[in-house]
Amino acid sequence: MGKIIEIRWHGRGGQGSFTASKLLGEAASLHGGKYALAFPSFGPERRGAPVLAFTKIADKKIQDRSEVKQCDYIVVLDETLFNEAFLYDLKPEGRIIINTGTPEKYKHIDGNKLSLINASDLAQTVLSRPVTNTVMIGALAGATAVISLQSLLAAATNYFKGELLVKNMEAIKQAFEYSKNQEQI
């Protein structure tokens, strides 16, 4: 089988990491001409508890439904969940996308391994609430070649309606452009 792109999402219950995982999978499979799997791994099912979600994308049908250990990309919606050990979970060309308002905390880490965005501020500005999942999916797409912006925007129409759709599409676009043009730290 061809290469499988494997993404692991770290968030907290209520932040939408599983929704982001599903939205990415849908963008890849329905609008990007790929196969995809998206699935969660819950601990205690309560708001604020750590949540893992996974997305796998490939050119051929994906048979492996196991959790992702060696990742192409790790997306951290809540930076309190970041652990430098995540760097060991990356494949050689892998990348970690972190929501942070304090990028200076990461200056000691190889900048080729990180993409940083203040997703909380962007979400608050565009969405008028601190839910960062669509911002982070836009940041992932902008920092990598995992999915096109057009595929993400098309998939968003299945998750949001009306003004919420307009705002989330804007959040995705702004995060995509920011991450696409971000200089290495």
N, C-alpha and C. Protein backbone atom coordinates (compact mmCIF):
# COMPACT_ATOMS: atom_id res chain seq x y z
N MET A 1 0.84 -1.18 0.00
CA MET A 1 0.00 0.00 0.00
C MET A 1 0.89 1.24 0.00
N GLY A 2 0.38 2.34 -0.55
CA GLY A 2 1.12 3.60 -0.60
C GLY A 2 1.25 4.22 0.77
N LYS A 3 1.89 5.35 0.79
CA LYS A 3 2.14 6.06 2.04
C LYS A 3 0.83 6.53 2.67
N ILE A 4 0.75 6.33 3.97
CA ILE A 4 -0.38 6.84 4.74
C ILE A 4 0.11 8.06 5.52
N ILE A 5 -0.60 9.16 5.38
CA ILE A 5 -0.31 10.35 6.17
C ILE A 5 -1.09 10.20 7.47
N GLU A 6 -0.36 10.29 8.59
CA GLU A 6 -0.97 10.05 9.89
C GLU A 6 -0.87 11.30 10.76
N ILE A 7 -2.03 11.71 11.26
CA ILE A 7 -2.12 12.93 12.07
C ILE A 7 -2.72 12.58 13.42
N ARG A 8 -2.11 13.11 14.47
CA ARG A 8 -2.63 12.94 15.83
C ARG A 8 -3.02 14.32 16.37
N TRP A 9 -4.21 14.40 16.93
CA TRP A 9 -4.76 15.64 17.47
C TRP A 9 -4.79 15.55 18.98
N HIS A 10 -4.26 16.56 19.67
CA HIS A 10 -4.30 16.65 21.13
C HIS A 10 -5.15 17.84 21.51
N GLY A 11 -6.21 17.58 22.26
CA GLY A 11 -7.07 18.67 22.72
C GLY A 11 -7.72 18.28 24.02
N ARG A 12 -8.66 19.06 24.41
CA ARG A 12 -9.45 18.77 25.61
C ARG A 12 -10.90 18.65 25.19
N GLY A 13 -11.65 17.86 25.96
CA GLY A 13 -13.06 17.68 25.66
C GLY A 13 -13.76 19.02 25.51
N GLY A 14 -14.48 19.20 24.43
CA GLY A 14 -15.18 20.44 24.16
C GLY A 14 -14.44 21.39 23.24
N GLN A 15 -13.17 21.09 22.92
CA GLN A 15 -12.40 21.97 22.03
C GLN A 15 -12.56 21.61 20.56
N GLY A 16 -13.15 20.45 20.27
CA GLY A 16 -13.42 20.10 18.89
C GLY A 16 -12.30 19.37 18.16
N SER A 17 -11.41 18.70 18.89
CA SER A 17 -10.32 17.99 18.20
C SER A 17 -10.86 16.83 17.37
N PHE A 18 -11.86 16.11 17.87
CA PHE A 18 -12.42 15.02 17.07
C PHE A 18 -13.18 15.58 15.85
N THR A 19 -13.88 16.68 16.04
CA THR A 19 -14.55 17.31 14.90
C THR A 19 -13.54 17.73 13.85
N ALA A 20 -12.40 18.29 14.27
CA ALA A 20 -11.35 18.67 13.33
C ALA A 20 -10.82 17.45 12.59
N SER A 21 -10.63 16.35 13.32
CA SER A 21 -10.16 15.11 12.71
C SER A 21 -11.13 14.63 11.64
N LYS A 22 -12.43 14.66 11.97
CA LYS A 22 -13.45 14.23 11.01
C LYS A 22 -13.54 15.18 9.82
N LEU A 23 -13.47 16.48 10.09
CA LEU A 23 -13.54 17.45 9.01
C LEU A 23 -12.38 17.27 8.04
N LEU A 24 -11.18 17.04 8.56
CA LEU A 24 -10.02 16.79 7.71
C LEU A 24 -10.21 15.52 6.90
N GLY A 25 -10.70 14.45 7.55
CA GLY A 25 -10.95 13.20 6.83
C GLY A 25 -11.97 13.38 5.72
N GLU A 26 -13.02 14.12 6.01
CA GLU A 26 -14.04 14.37 4.99
C GLU A 26 -13.48 15.22 3.85
N ALA A 27 -12.69 16.23 4.19
CA ALA A 27 -12.08 17.06 3.15
C ALA A 27 -11.22 16.22 2.22
N ALA A 28 -10.47 15.29 2.80
CA ALA A 28 -9.59 14.43 2.01
C ALA A 28 -10.37 13.43 1.17
N SER A 29 -11.39 12.82 1.76
CA SER A 29 -12.10 11.74 1.06
C SER A 29 -13.18 12.23 0.10
N LEU A 30 -13.96 13.22 0.51
CA LEU A 30 -15.05 13.68 -0.34
C LEU A 30 -14.64 14.77 -1.32
N HIS A 31 -13.61 15.53 -0.96
CA HIS A 31 -13.25 16.68 -1.78
C HIS A 31 -11.80 16.66 -2.26
N GLY A 32 -11.01 15.70 -1.79
CA GLY A 32 -9.59 15.67 -2.14
C GLY A 32 -9.17 14.43 -2.90
N GLY A 33 -10.12 13.53 -3.21
CA GLY A 33 -9.79 12.35 -4.00
C GLY A 33 -8.94 11.32 -3.28
N LYS A 34 -8.98 11.31 -1.95
CA LYS A 34 -8.18 10.36 -1.16
C LYS A 34 -9.10 9.47 -0.34
N TYR A 35 -8.50 8.53 0.36
CA TYR A 35 -9.19 7.72 1.35
C TYR A 35 -8.80 8.28 2.71
N ALA A 36 -9.70 8.18 3.68
CA ALA A 36 -9.39 8.72 5.00
C ALA A 36 -10.13 7.96 6.09
N LEU A 37 -9.53 7.94 7.26
CA LEU A 37 -10.15 7.46 8.49
C LEU A 37 -9.97 8.55 9.54
N ALA A 38 -10.98 8.74 10.36
CA ALA A 38 -10.89 9.67 11.48
C ALA A 38 -11.56 8.99 12.67
N PHE A 39 -10.88 9.00 13.81
CA PHE A 39 -11.45 8.34 14.98
C PHE A 39 -10.86 8.94 16.25
N PRO A 40 -11.63 8.90 17.35
CA PRO A 40 -11.17 9.44 18.62
C PRO A 40 -10.62 8.36 19.53
N SER A 41 -9.97 8.82 20.59
CA SER A 41 -9.57 7.96 21.70
C SER A 41 -9.87 8.75 22.96
N PHE A 42 -10.92 8.38 23.66
CA PHE A 42 -11.34 9.13 24.83
C PHE A 42 -10.86 8.46 26.11
N GLY A 43 -10.50 9.28 27.07
CA GLY A 43 -10.29 8.80 28.44
C GLY A 43 -11.60 9.06 29.15
N PRO A 44 -11.54 9.76 30.27
CA PRO A 44 -12.80 10.13 30.92
C PRO A 44 -13.56 11.09 30.00
N GLU A 45 -14.79 10.76 29.73
CA GLU A 45 -15.56 11.56 28.78
C GLU A 45 -16.21 12.73 29.49
N ARG A 46 -15.44 13.80 29.63
CA ARG A 46 -15.99 15.00 30.24
C ARG A 46 -15.30 16.21 29.64
N ARG A 47 -16.02 17.31 29.69
CA ARG A 47 -15.47 18.56 29.16
C ARG A 47 -14.18 18.89 29.91
N GLY A 48 -13.15 19.23 29.15
CA GLY A 48 -11.87 19.61 29.74
C GLY A 48 -10.88 18.47 29.90
N ALA A 49 -11.33 17.23 29.79
CA ALA A 49 -10.41 16.09 29.91
C ALA A 49 -9.59 15.96 28.62
N PRO A 50 -8.35 15.49 28.71
CA PRO A 50 -7.55 15.30 27.50
C PRO A 50 -8.22 14.33 26.53
N VAL A 51 -8.17 14.68 25.25
CA VAL A 51 -8.76 13.88 24.19
C VAL A 51 -7.73 13.71 23.08
N LEU A 52 -7.64 12.52 22.55
CA LEU A 52 -6.83 12.27 21.37
C LEU A 52 -7.77 11.95 20.22
N ALA A 53 -7.41 12.42 19.04
CA ALA A 53 -8.13 12.04 17.83
C ALA A 53 -7.08 11.76 16.76
N PHE A 54 -7.47 11.00 15.77
CA PHE A 54 -6.53 10.58 14.74
C PHE A 54 -7.16 10.73 13.36
N THR A 55 -6.35 11.09 12.39
CA THR A 55 -6.77 11.11 11.00
C THR A 55 -5.69 10.41 10.19
N LYS A 56 -6.12 9.51 9.31
CA LYS A 56 -5.21 8.85 8.39
C LYS A 56 -5.71 9.13 6.99
N ILE A 57 -4.78 9.47 6.09
CA ILE A 57 -5.12 9.82 4.71
C ILE A 57 -4.18 9.06 3.79
N ALA A 58 -4.75 8.46 2.72
CA ALA A 58 -3.93 7.70 1.78
C ALA A 58 -4.56 7.71 0.39
N ASP A 59 -3.79 7.27 -0.58
CA ASP A 59 -4.29 7.15 -1.96
C ASP A 59 -5.08 5.87 -2.17
N LYS A 60 -4.90 4.91 -1.27
CA LYS A 60 -5.60 3.63 -1.35
C LYS A 60 -6.37 3.39 -0.06
N LYS A 61 -7.29 2.44 -0.12
CA LYS A 61 -8.09 2.12 1.06
C LYS A 61 -7.18 1.81 2.25
N ILE A 62 -7.55 2.32 3.41
CA ILE A 62 -6.75 2.17 4.62
C ILE A 62 -7.29 1.00 5.44
N GLN A 63 -6.45 0.01 5.68
CA GLN A 63 -6.85 -1.16 6.45
C GLN A 63 -6.48 -1.04 7.93
N ASP A 64 -5.38 -0.31 8.20
CA ASP A 64 -4.87 -0.18 9.57
C ASP A 64 -5.70 0.84 10.34
N ARG A 65 -6.44 0.35 11.33
CA ARG A 65 -7.31 1.21 12.14
C ARG A 65 -6.75 1.45 13.54
N SER A 66 -5.45 1.22 13.70
CA SER A 66 -4.84 1.41 15.02
C SER A 66 -4.52 2.88 15.28
N GLU A 67 -4.36 3.20 16.56
CA GLU A 67 -3.98 4.55 16.93
C GLU A 67 -2.63 4.90 16.31
N VAL A 68 -2.42 6.18 16.09
CA VAL A 68 -1.20 6.66 15.45
C VAL A 68 -0.13 6.89 16.51
N LYS A 69 0.99 6.23 16.36
CA LYS A 69 2.12 6.42 17.27
C LYS A 69 3.20 7.27 16.59
N GLN A 70 3.65 6.87 15.39
CA GLN A 70 4.63 7.63 14.62
C GLN A 70 3.85 8.51 13.64
N CYS A 71 3.91 9.81 13.87
CA CYS A 71 3.04 10.76 13.17
C CYS A 71 3.78 11.54 12.09
N ASP A 72 3.03 11.85 11.05
CA ASP A 72 3.51 12.85 10.09
C ASP A 72 3.29 14.23 10.70
N TYR A 73 2.14 14.39 11.35
CA TYR A 73 1.80 15.67 11.95
C TYR A 73 1.11 15.45 13.29
N ILE A 74 1.42 16.34 14.23
CA ILE A 74 0.75 16.37 15.52
C ILE A 74 0.18 17.78 15.67
N VAL A 75 -1.11 17.85 15.97
CA VAL A 75 -1.78 19.14 16.13
C VAL A 75 -2.18 19.27 17.59
N VAL A 76 -1.72 20.34 18.24
CA VAL A 76 -1.96 20.56 19.66
C VAL A 76 -2.88 21.77 19.82
N LEU A 77 -4.15 21.49 20.12
CA LEU A 77 -5.13 22.56 20.28
C LEU A 77 -4.97 23.28 21.61
N ASP A 78 -4.49 22.60 22.63
CA ASP A 78 -4.30 23.16 23.95
C ASP A 78 -2.84 22.95 24.33
N GLU A 79 -2.07 24.03 24.36
CA GLU A 79 -0.63 23.89 24.54
C GLU A 79 -0.24 23.29 25.88
N THR A 80 -1.14 23.28 26.87
CA THR A 80 -0.81 22.64 28.15
C THR A 80 -0.65 21.13 27.97
N LEU A 81 -1.10 20.60 26.85
CA LEU A 81 -0.96 19.17 26.57
C LEU A 81 0.33 18.84 25.84
N PHE A 82 1.05 19.88 25.36
CA PHE A 82 2.29 19.63 24.63
C PHE A 82 3.35 19.07 25.55
N ASN A 83 4.07 18.10 25.03
CA ASN A 83 5.19 17.49 25.73
C ASN A 83 6.32 17.36 24.72
N GLU A 84 7.52 17.74 25.09
CA GLU A 84 8.64 17.65 24.15
C GLU A 84 8.88 16.22 23.67
N ALA A 85 8.39 15.24 24.40
CA ALA A 85 8.50 13.85 23.96
C ALA A 85 7.74 13.63 22.65
N PHE A 86 6.79 14.52 22.31
CA PHE A 86 6.08 14.42 21.04
C PHE A 86 7.05 14.44 19.87
N LEU A 87 8.18 15.12 20.04
CA LEU A 87 9.18 15.19 18.96
C LEU A 87 9.66 13.80 18.57
N TYR A 88 9.69 12.88 19.52
CA TYR A 88 10.11 11.50 19.24
C TYR A 88 9.02 10.70 18.54
N ASP A 89 7.80 11.23 18.55
CA ASP A 89 6.68 10.56 17.89
C ASP A 89 6.54 10.98 16.43
N LEU A 90 7.41 11.89 15.98
CA LEU A 90 7.33 12.37 14.59
C LEU A 90 8.14 11.49 13.65
N LYS A 91 7.60 11.32 12.46
CA LYS A 91 8.38 10.71 11.38
C LYS A 91 9.45 11.73 10.98
N PRO A 92 10.49 11.33 10.25
CA PRO A 92 11.62 12.23 9.96
C PRO A 92 11.23 13.61 9.41
N GLU A 93 10.26 13.68 8.54
CA GLU A 93 9.85 14.97 7.98
C GLU A 93 8.63 15.54 8.69
N GLY A 94 8.33 15.00 9.87
CA GLY A 94 7.12 15.38 10.59
C GLY A 94 7.16 16.79 11.15
N ARG A 95 5.99 17.22 11.58
CA ARG A 95 5.82 18.60 12.06
C ARG A 95 4.75 18.64 13.15
N ILE A 96 4.94 19.52 14.13
CA ILE A 96 3.97 19.74 15.20
C ILE A 96 3.41 21.14 15.04
N ILE A 97 2.09 21.24 15.04
CA ILE A 97 1.42 22.53 14.94
C ILE A 97 0.82 22.81 16.31
N ILE A 98 1.25 23.91 16.94
CA ILE A 98 0.86 24.20 18.32
C ILE A 98 0.11 25.53 18.39
N ASN A 99 -1.00 25.52 19.13
CA ASN A 99 -1.72 26.73 19.47
C ASN A 99 -1.01 27.35 20.66
N THR A 100 -0.40 28.52 20.46
CA THR A 100 0.30 29.17 21.56
C THR A 100 0.26 30.69 21.42
N GLY A 101 0.18 31.35 22.54
CA GLY A 101 0.31 32.80 22.59
C GLY A 101 1.70 33.22 23.02
N THR A 102 2.56 32.23 23.29
CA THR A 102 3.93 32.50 23.75
C THR A 102 4.94 31.71 22.92
N PRO A 103 5.15 32.10 21.68
CA PRO A 103 6.06 31.34 20.81
C PRO A 103 7.50 31.30 21.30
N GLU A 104 7.90 32.28 22.11
CA GLU A 104 9.27 32.29 22.61
C GLU A 104 9.59 31.05 23.45
N LYS A 105 8.57 30.40 24.01
CA LYS A 105 8.78 29.18 24.80
C LYS A 105 9.37 28.04 23.97
N TYR A 106 9.27 28.15 22.66
CA TYR A 106 9.67 27.05 21.78
C TYR A 106 10.94 27.34 20.98
N LYS A 107 11.62 28.44 21.29
CA LYS A 107 12.83 28.84 20.54
C LYS A 107 13.92 27.77 20.59
N HIS A 108 13.95 26.97 21.64
CA HIS A 108 15.01 25.96 21.80
C HIS A 108 14.75 24.69 20.97
N ILE A 109 13.57 24.60 20.35
CA ILE A 109 13.22 23.41 19.57
C ILE A 109 13.46 23.71 18.09
N ASP A 110 13.95 22.73 17.37
CA ASP A 110 14.21 22.86 15.94
C ASP A 110 12.98 23.45 15.23
N GLY A 111 13.14 24.63 14.67
CA GLY A 111 12.04 25.33 14.00
C GLY A 111 11.48 24.59 12.80
N ASN A 112 12.24 23.67 12.23
CA ASN A 112 11.74 22.88 11.11
C ASN A 112 10.71 21.85 11.56
N LYS A 113 10.62 21.65 12.86
CA LYS A 113 9.69 20.66 13.41
C LYS A 113 8.40 21.29 13.93
N LEU A 114 8.36 22.64 13.99
CA LEU A 114 7.22 23.32 14.60
C LEU A 114 6.58 24.35 13.69
N SER A 115 5.29 24.48 13.83
CA SER A 115 4.53 25.61 13.30
C SER A 115 3.71 26.11 14.47
N LEU A 116 3.79 27.40 14.73
CA LEU A 116 3.12 27.99 15.87
C LEU A 116 2.09 29.02 15.40
N ILE A 117 0.96 29.03 16.06
CA ILE A 117 -0.09 29.99 15.74
C ILE A 117 -0.86 30.29 17.02
N ASN A 118 -1.24 31.55 17.19
CA ASN A 118 -2.09 31.90 18.32
C ASN A 118 -3.53 31.68 17.88
N ALA A 119 -3.93 30.43 17.88
CA ALA A 119 -5.26 30.04 17.42
C ALA A 119 -6.35 30.55 18.36
N SER A 120 -6.04 30.65 19.63
CA SER A 120 -7.04 31.13 20.59
C SER A 120 -7.44 32.57 20.29
N ASP A 121 -6.45 33.43 20.02
CA ASP A 121 -6.76 34.82 19.69
C ASP A 121 -7.49 34.92 18.36
N LEU A 122 -7.05 34.15 17.37
CA LEU A 122 -7.71 34.19 16.06
C LEU A 122 -9.15 33.71 16.18
N ALA A 123 -9.37 32.64 16.92
CA ALA A 123 -10.73 32.13 17.11
C ALA A 123 -11.60 33.16 17.83
N GLN A 124 -11.05 33.78 18.86
CA GLN A 124 -11.83 34.78 19.59
C GLN A 124 -12.18 35.96 18.69
N THR A 125 -11.23 36.39 17.86
CA THR A 125 -11.46 37.52 16.96
C THR A 125 -12.48 37.19 15.87
N VAL A 126 -12.31 36.05 15.21
CA VAL A 126 -13.15 35.71 14.06
C VAL A 126 -14.47 35.05 14.48
N LEU A 127 -14.39 34.12 15.43
CA LEU A 127 -15.57 33.34 15.82
C LEU A 127 -16.29 33.90 17.05
N SER A 128 -15.66 34.85 17.73
CA SER A 128 -16.18 35.42 18.97
C SER A 128 -16.31 34.38 20.08
N ARG A 129 -15.47 33.34 20.00
CA ARG A 129 -15.40 32.32 21.05
C ARG A 129 -14.07 31.59 20.91
N PRO A 130 -13.56 31.01 21.99
CA PRO A 130 -12.21 30.44 21.96
C PRO A 130 -12.15 28.97 21.49
N VAL A 131 -12.98 28.59 20.54
CA VAL A 131 -12.94 27.22 20.01
C VAL A 131 -11.99 27.22 18.81
N THR A 132 -10.90 26.48 18.95
CA THR A 132 -9.78 26.61 17.99
C THR A 132 -9.71 25.54 16.92
N ASN A 133 -10.65 24.59 16.88
CA ASN A 133 -10.47 23.46 15.97
C ASN A 133 -10.38 23.86 14.50
N THR A 134 -11.23 24.77 14.03
CA THR A 134 -11.15 25.13 12.61
C THR A 134 -9.92 25.99 12.32
N VAL A 135 -9.51 26.78 13.30
CA VAL A 135 -8.28 27.54 13.13
C VAL A 135 -7.10 26.57 12.98
N MET A 136 -7.06 25.56 13.83
CA MET A 136 -5.94 24.62 13.80
C MET A 136 -5.93 23.75 12.53
N ILE A 137 -7.10 23.43 12.01
CA ILE A 137 -7.12 22.66 10.76
C ILE A 137 -6.64 23.53 9.60
N GLY A 138 -6.98 24.81 9.64
CA GLY A 138 -6.46 25.74 8.63
C GLY A 138 -4.95 25.90 8.75
N ALA A 139 -4.45 25.96 9.99
CA ALA A 139 -3.01 26.07 10.24
C ALA A 139 -2.28 24.83 9.74
N LEU A 140 -2.85 23.65 10.00
CA LEU A 140 -2.26 22.40 9.51
C LEU A 140 -2.16 22.42 7.99
N ALA A 141 -3.23 22.80 7.33
CA ALA A 141 -3.23 22.83 5.86
C ALA A 141 -2.24 23.85 5.32
N GLY A 142 -2.13 25.00 5.98
CA GLY A 142 -1.20 26.02 5.52
C GLY A 142 0.26 25.65 5.73
N ALA A 143 0.55 24.95 6.80
CA ALA A 143 1.93 24.60 7.14
C ALA A 143 2.41 23.34 6.43
N THR A 144 1.48 22.59 5.85
CA THR A 144 1.82 21.32 5.22
C THR A 144 1.10 21.21 3.88
N ALA A 145 1.31 20.13 3.20
CA ALA A 145 0.60 19.88 1.95
C ALA A 145 -0.45 18.79 2.13
N VAL A 146 -0.93 18.60 3.35
CA VAL A 146 -1.81 17.48 3.65
C VAL A 146 -3.17 17.60 2.95
N ILE A 147 -3.67 18.83 2.77
CA ILE A 147 -4.98 19.03 2.16
C ILE A 147 -5.03 20.44 1.58
N SER A 148 -5.83 20.61 0.55
CA SER A 148 -5.97 21.95 -0.04
C SER A 148 -6.96 22.79 0.75
N LEU A 149 -6.80 24.09 0.65
CA LEU A 149 -7.72 25.01 1.29
C LEU A 149 -9.13 24.82 0.72
N GLN A 150 -9.23 24.62 -0.58
CA GLN A 150 -10.53 24.44 -1.22
C GLN A 150 -11.26 23.21 -0.68
N SER A 151 -10.54 22.12 -0.48
CA SER A 151 -11.16 20.90 0.06
C SER A 151 -11.66 21.13 1.49
N LEU A 152 -10.88 21.86 2.29
CA LEU A 152 -11.31 22.15 3.66
C LEU A 152 -12.57 23.00 3.68
N LEU A 153 -12.59 24.02 2.84
CA LEU A 153 -13.75 24.92 2.81
C LEU A 153 -15.00 24.17 2.33
N ALA A 154 -14.83 23.28 1.36
CA ALA A 154 -15.96 22.49 0.88
C ALA A 154 -16.49 21.57 1.98
N ALA A 155 -15.59 20.95 2.74
CA ALA A 155 -16.00 20.07 3.83
C ALA A 155 -16.69 20.84 4.95
N ALA A 156 -16.27 22.07 5.19
CA ALA A 156 -16.87 22.89 6.26
C ALA A 156 -18.36 23.10 6.03
N THR A 157 -18.80 23.08 4.77
CA THR A 157 -20.22 23.30 4.49
C THR A 157 -21.09 22.17 5.02
N ASN A 158 -20.52 21.02 5.32
CA ASN A 158 -21.27 19.90 5.89
C ASN A 158 -21.33 19.95 7.42
N TYR A 159 -20.53 20.81 8.03
CA TYR A 159 -20.46 20.89 9.49
C TYR A 159 -21.10 22.15 10.06
N PHE A 160 -21.13 23.19 9.26
CA PHE A 160 -21.62 24.48 9.75
C PHE A 160 -22.64 25.05 8.77
N LYS A 161 -23.50 25.90 9.29
CA LYS A 161 -24.51 26.55 8.46
C LYS A 161 -24.57 28.03 8.80
N GLY A 162 -25.09 28.82 7.88
CA GLY A 162 -25.34 30.23 8.11
C GLY A 162 -24.12 31.02 8.52
N GLU A 163 -24.30 31.89 9.51
CA GLU A 163 -23.22 32.76 9.98
C GLU A 163 -22.07 31.96 10.57
N LEU A 164 -22.36 30.84 11.20
CA LEU A 164 -21.30 29.99 11.76
C LEU A 164 -20.41 29.43 10.66
N LEU A 165 -21.00 29.07 9.53
CA LEU A 165 -20.22 28.61 8.38
C LEU A 165 -19.31 29.73 7.87
N VAL A 166 -19.87 30.91 7.69
CA VAL A 166 -19.09 32.05 7.18
C VAL A 166 -17.91 32.34 8.10
N LYS A 167 -18.17 32.37 9.40
CA LYS A 167 -17.10 32.66 10.36
C LYS A 167 -16.04 31.57 10.39
N ASN A 168 -16.45 30.29 10.36
CA ASN A 168 -15.47 29.20 10.38
C ASN A 168 -14.67 29.15 9.10
N MET A 169 -15.28 29.43 7.97
CA MET A 169 -14.53 29.48 6.71
C MET A 169 -13.50 30.59 6.76
N GLU A 170 -13.86 31.73 7.34
CA GLU A 170 -12.91 32.84 7.48
C GLU A 170 -11.77 32.45 8.42
N ALA A 171 -12.08 31.76 9.51
CA ALA A 171 -11.05 31.32 10.45
C ALA A 171 -10.08 30.35 9.76
N ILE A 172 -10.62 29.42 8.98
CA ILE A 172 -9.78 28.47 8.25
C ILE A 172 -8.87 29.22 7.28
N LYS A 173 -9.44 30.15 6.52
CA LYS A 173 -8.66 30.91 5.53
C LYS A 173 -7.54 31.71 6.19
N GLN A 174 -7.87 32.42 7.26
CA GLN A 174 -6.85 33.24 7.92
C GLN A 174 -5.73 32.39 8.51
N ALA A 175 -6.08 31.28 9.13
CA ALA A 175 -5.05 30.40 9.70
C ALA A 175 -4.20 29.78 8.60
N PHE A 176 -4.84 29.39 7.50
CA PHE A 176 -4.12 28.82 6.36
C PHE A 176 -3.09 29.81 5.84
N GLU A 177 -3.52 31.03 5.59
CA GLU A 177 -2.61 32.06 5.06
C GLU A 177 -1.49 32.38 6.04
N TYR A 178 -1.83 32.49 7.31
CA TYR A 178 -0.81 32.77 8.32
C TYR A 178 0.25 31.67 8.33
N SER A 179 -0.19 30.43 8.41
CA SER A 179 0.75 29.30 8.51
C SER A 179 1.53 29.10 7.22
N LYS A 180 0.89 29.34 6.12
CA LYS A 180 1.56 29.20 4.81
C LYS A 180 2.71 30.19 4.69
N ASN A 181 2.53 31.37 5.24
CA ASN A 181 3.51 32.44 5.10
C ASN A 181 4.40 32.63 6.33
N GLN A 182 4.21 31.78 7.33
CA GLN A 182 4.97 31.91 8.58
C GLN A 182 6.45 31.61 8.35
N GLU A 183 7.29 32.46 8.93
CA GLU A 183 8.73 32.21 8.89
C GLU A 183 9.05 31.15 9.93
N GLN A 184 10.11 30.41 9.68
CA GLN A 184 10.55 29.42 10.67
C GLN A 184 10.99 30.14 11.94
N ILE A 185 10.68 29.54 13.09
CA ILE A 185 11.07 30.19 14.35
C ILE A 185 12.54 29.89 14.65
